[in-house]
């Protein structure tokens, strides 16, 4: 009887090793999935926090310009206005770079304030275009422009998109 068990011992050891490897692989997969979910949550949270920071820091400037179109001459005529415009656009450019590099979440930003970002970009577009020419810097605030275009395309393709992504708001 002892001889029979010893004959099967290598097979039993092999099965135990295979089961152990499968167990480790399953645990690694579970951990990877949990880490990815946590990373996605943090990415979404960071997007909200950075956009809220931009909005809070720029609120008085945004109130001041209201819905006025901004061109280079108008902005440069007021030192404080120029400083505010450049600061605001620089912050939006950083946000756009974060979206482009996948540091921030595009869907969250689009749903939270996509329409508003496009509105502010269009309001300041003349200033941006004229600044590009004046400074001979054709890529000045280019990531912001690309973000605004991406948001407009996404909104045109999915005008009633909700947080559920696949769910659409029904029109009455």
Protein backbone atom coordinates (compact mmCIF):
# COMPACT_ATOMS: atom_id res chain seq x y z
CA UNK A 1 0.00 0.00 0.00
CA UNK A 2 2.86 2.39 0.79
CA UNK A 3 4.40 1.65 -2.56
CA UNK A 4 1.15 2.64 -4.31
CA UNK A 5 1.02 6.04 -2.57
CA UNK A 6 4.63 6.72 -3.43
CA UNK A 7 3.86 5.93 -7.07
CA UNK A 8 1.18 8.64 -7.11
CA UNK A 9 3.12 11.20 -5.08
CA UNK A 10 4.68 12.98 -8.11
CA UNK A 11 1.25 13.28 -9.75
CA UNK A 12 -0.27 14.61 -6.52
CA UNK A 13 2.56 17.14 -6.20
CA UNK A 14 2.03 18.27 -9.79
CA UNK A 15 -1.70 18.69 -9.24
CA UNK A 16 -1.04 20.68 -6.05
CA UNK A 17 1.37 22.96 -7.91
CA UNK A 18 -1.14 23.47 -10.75
CA UNK A 19 -3.94 24.28 -8.27
CA UNK A 20 -1.61 26.69 -6.46
CA UNK A 21 -0.66 28.46 -9.70
CA UNK A 22 -4.33 28.76 -10.67
CA UNK A 23 -5.17 30.15 -7.23
CA UNK A 24 -2.37 32.75 -7.49
CA UNK A 25 -3.44 33.71 -11.03
CA UNK A 26 -7.05 34.22 -9.88
CA UNK A 27 -5.89 36.35 -6.93
CA UNK A 28 -3.65 38.48 -9.17
CA UNK A 29 -6.54 39.01 -11.59
CA UNK A 30 -8.87 40.04 -8.76
CA UNK A 31 -6.26 42.44 -7.36
CA UNK A 32 -5.60 43.93 -10.79
CA UNK A 33 -9.31 44.46 -11.35
CA UNK A 34 -9.71 46.10 -7.93
CA UNK A 35 -6.67 48.34 -8.53
CA UNK A 36 -8.00 49.38 -11.94
CA UNK A 37 -11.40 50.23 -10.45
CA UNK A 38 -9.74 52.28 -7.71
CA UNK A 39 -7.56 54.08 -10.26
CA UNK A 40 -10.62 54.92 -12.38
CA UNK A 41 -12.45 56.23 -9.31
CA UNK A 42 -9.46 58.40 -8.35
CA UNK A 43 -9.18 59.67 -11.93
CA UNK A 44 -12.83 60.73 -11.89
CA UNK A 45 -12.47 62.32 -8.46
CA UNK A 46 -9.35 64.22 -9.57
CA UNK A 47 -11.20 65.50 -12.64
CA UNK A 48 -14.01 66.87 -10.50
CA UNK A 49 -11.64 68.39 -7.95
CA UNK A 50 -9.41 70.11 -10.53
CA UNK A 51 -12.37 71.49 -12.48
CA UNK A 52 -13.94 72.76 -9.24
CA UNK A 53 -10.62 74.42 -8.37
CA UNK A 54 -10.51 76.17 -11.75
CA UNK A 55 -14.11 77.29 -11.40
CA UNK A 56 -13.69 78.57 -7.86
CA UNK A 57 -10.43 80.40 -8.56
CA UNK A 58 -11.83 82.00 -11.73
CA UNK A 59 -15.34 82.86 -10.56
CA UNK A 60 -14.86 86.62 -10.21
CA UNK A 61 -13.14 86.79 -13.60
CA UNK A 62 -15.92 84.77 -15.23
CA UNK A 63 -18.54 87.01 -13.62
CA UNK A 64 -16.68 90.08 -14.89
CA UNK A 65 -16.52 89.00 -18.53
CA UNK A 66 -20.02 87.56 -18.58
CA UNK A 67 -20.97 86.73 -22.15
CA UNK A 68 -18.78 89.35 -23.85
CA UNK A 69 -16.62 88.28 -26.78
CA UNK A 70 -12.99 88.79 -25.93
CA UNK A 71 -10.44 89.90 -28.51
CA UNK A 72 -6.76 90.74 -28.14
CA UNK A 73 -7.27 94.53 -28.05
CA UNK A 74 -10.01 94.32 -25.41
CA UNK A 75 -8.05 91.95 -23.20
CA UNK A 76 -4.75 93.82 -23.54
CA UNK A 77 -6.42 97.15 -22.73
CA UNK A 78 -6.87 96.09 -19.10
CA UNK A 79 -3.87 94.63 -17.27
CA UNK A 80 -6.02 92.84 -14.67
CA UNK A 81 -8.31 91.42 -17.35
CA UNK A 82 -5.32 90.20 -19.37
CA UNK A 83 -3.85 88.51 -16.30
CA UNK A 84 -7.20 86.85 -15.54
CA UNK A 85 -7.72 85.66 -19.11
CA UNK A 86 -4.23 84.19 -19.36
CA UNK A 87 -4.54 82.52 -15.96
CA UNK A 88 -7.95 81.05 -16.79
CA UNK A 89 -6.87 79.80 -20.22
CA UNK A 90 -3.68 78.33 -18.76
CA UNK A 91 -5.69 76.38 -16.19
CA UNK A 92 -8.08 75.12 -18.85
CA UNK A 93 -5.08 74.16 -20.99
CA UNK A 94 -3.68 72.11 -18.08
CA UNK A 95 -7.06 70.42 -17.71
CA UNK A 96 -7.13 69.70 -21.46
CA UNK A 97 -3.62 68.23 -21.31
CA UNK A 98 -4.73 66.07 -18.40
CA UNK A 99 -7.65 64.82 -20.49
CA UNK A 100 -5.42 64.23 -23.54
CA UNK A 101 -2.90 62.24 -21.49
CA UNK A 102 -5.62 60.28 -19.68
CA UNK A 103 -4.77 61.74 -16.28
CA UNK A 104 -8.31 63.15 -16.05
CA UNK A 105 -11.56 61.52 -17.17
CA UNK A 106 -13.11 62.89 -20.36
CA UNK A 107 -16.59 61.48 -19.77
CA UNK A 108 -16.86 63.00 -16.30
CA UNK A 109 -15.67 66.39 -17.51
CA UNK A 110 -17.97 66.31 -20.53
CA UNK A 111 -21.03 65.41 -18.48
CA UNK A 112 -20.17 67.81 -15.67
CA UNK A 113 -19.26 70.91 -17.68
CA UNK A 114 -18.59 70.12 -21.33
CA UNK A 115 -21.09 72.61 -22.67
CA UNK A 116 -19.70 75.34 -20.43
CA UNK A 117 -16.09 74.67 -21.46
CA UNK A 118 -17.08 74.92 -25.13
CA UNK A 119 -18.97 78.12 -24.42
CA UNK A 120 -15.96 79.72 -22.68
CA UNK A 121 -13.57 78.50 -25.37
CA UNK A 122 -15.77 80.03 -28.09
CA UNK A 123 -16.05 83.25 -26.10
CA UNK A 124 -12.25 83.50 -25.90
CA UNK A 125 -11.49 82.00 -29.34
CA UNK A 126 -10.91 85.35 -31.02
CA UNK A 127 -8.43 86.31 -28.31
CA UNK A 128 -6.69 82.95 -28.66
CA UNK A 129 -6.49 83.20 -32.46
CA UNK A 130 -5.17 86.77 -32.35
CA UNK A 131 -2.66 85.84 -29.61
CA UNK A 132 -1.37 82.97 -31.72
CA UNK A 133 -0.69 85.37 -34.58
CA UNK A 134 0.76 88.14 -32.38
CA UNK A 135 3.09 85.75 -30.55
CA UNK A 136 3.81 83.60 -33.60
CA UNK A 137 2.71 80.62 -31.51
CA UNK A 138 0.27 78.54 -33.58
CA UNK A 139 -0.14 75.91 -30.87
CA UNK A 140 -0.98 78.33 -28.06
CA UNK A 141 -3.86 76.74 -26.08
CA UNK A 142 -4.14 74.03 -28.75
CA UNK A 143 -5.04 71.27 -26.28
CA UNK A 144 -7.97 73.37 -25.06
CA UNK A 145 -9.14 73.82 -28.64
CA UNK A 146 -8.84 70.08 -29.30
CA UNK A 147 -10.75 69.35 -26.09
CA UNK A 148 -13.54 71.74 -27.07
CA UNK A 149 -13.80 70.08 -30.50
CA UNK A 150 -13.85 66.63 -28.91
CA UNK A 151 -16.61 67.68 -26.52
CA UNK A 152 -18.66 69.18 -29.36
CA UNK A 153 -18.26 66.01 -31.44
CA UNK A 154 -19.21 63.80 -28.49
CA UNK A 155 -22.24 65.92 -27.71
CA UNK A 156 -23.34 65.96 -31.36
CA UNK A 157 -23.07 62.17 -31.53
CA UNK A 158 -24.78 61.65 -28.13
CA UNK A 159 -26.89 64.74 -27.39
CA UNK A 160 -28.80 63.13 -24.53
CA UNK A 161 -25.99 61.16 -22.90
CA UNK A 162 -26.30 60.56 -19.19
CA UNK A 163 -23.99 59.16 -16.54
CA UNK A 164 -25.19 55.66 -17.49
CA UNK A 165 -23.44 56.13 -20.88
CA UNK A 166 -25.74 53.70 -22.65
CA UNK A 167 -28.86 55.24 -21.22
CA UNK A 168 -30.40 58.09 -23.13
CA UNK A 169 -32.81 60.66 -21.78
CA UNK A 170 -36.12 60.33 -23.52
CA UNK A 171 -37.57 63.40 -25.14
CA UNK A 172 -41.24 64.07 -24.19
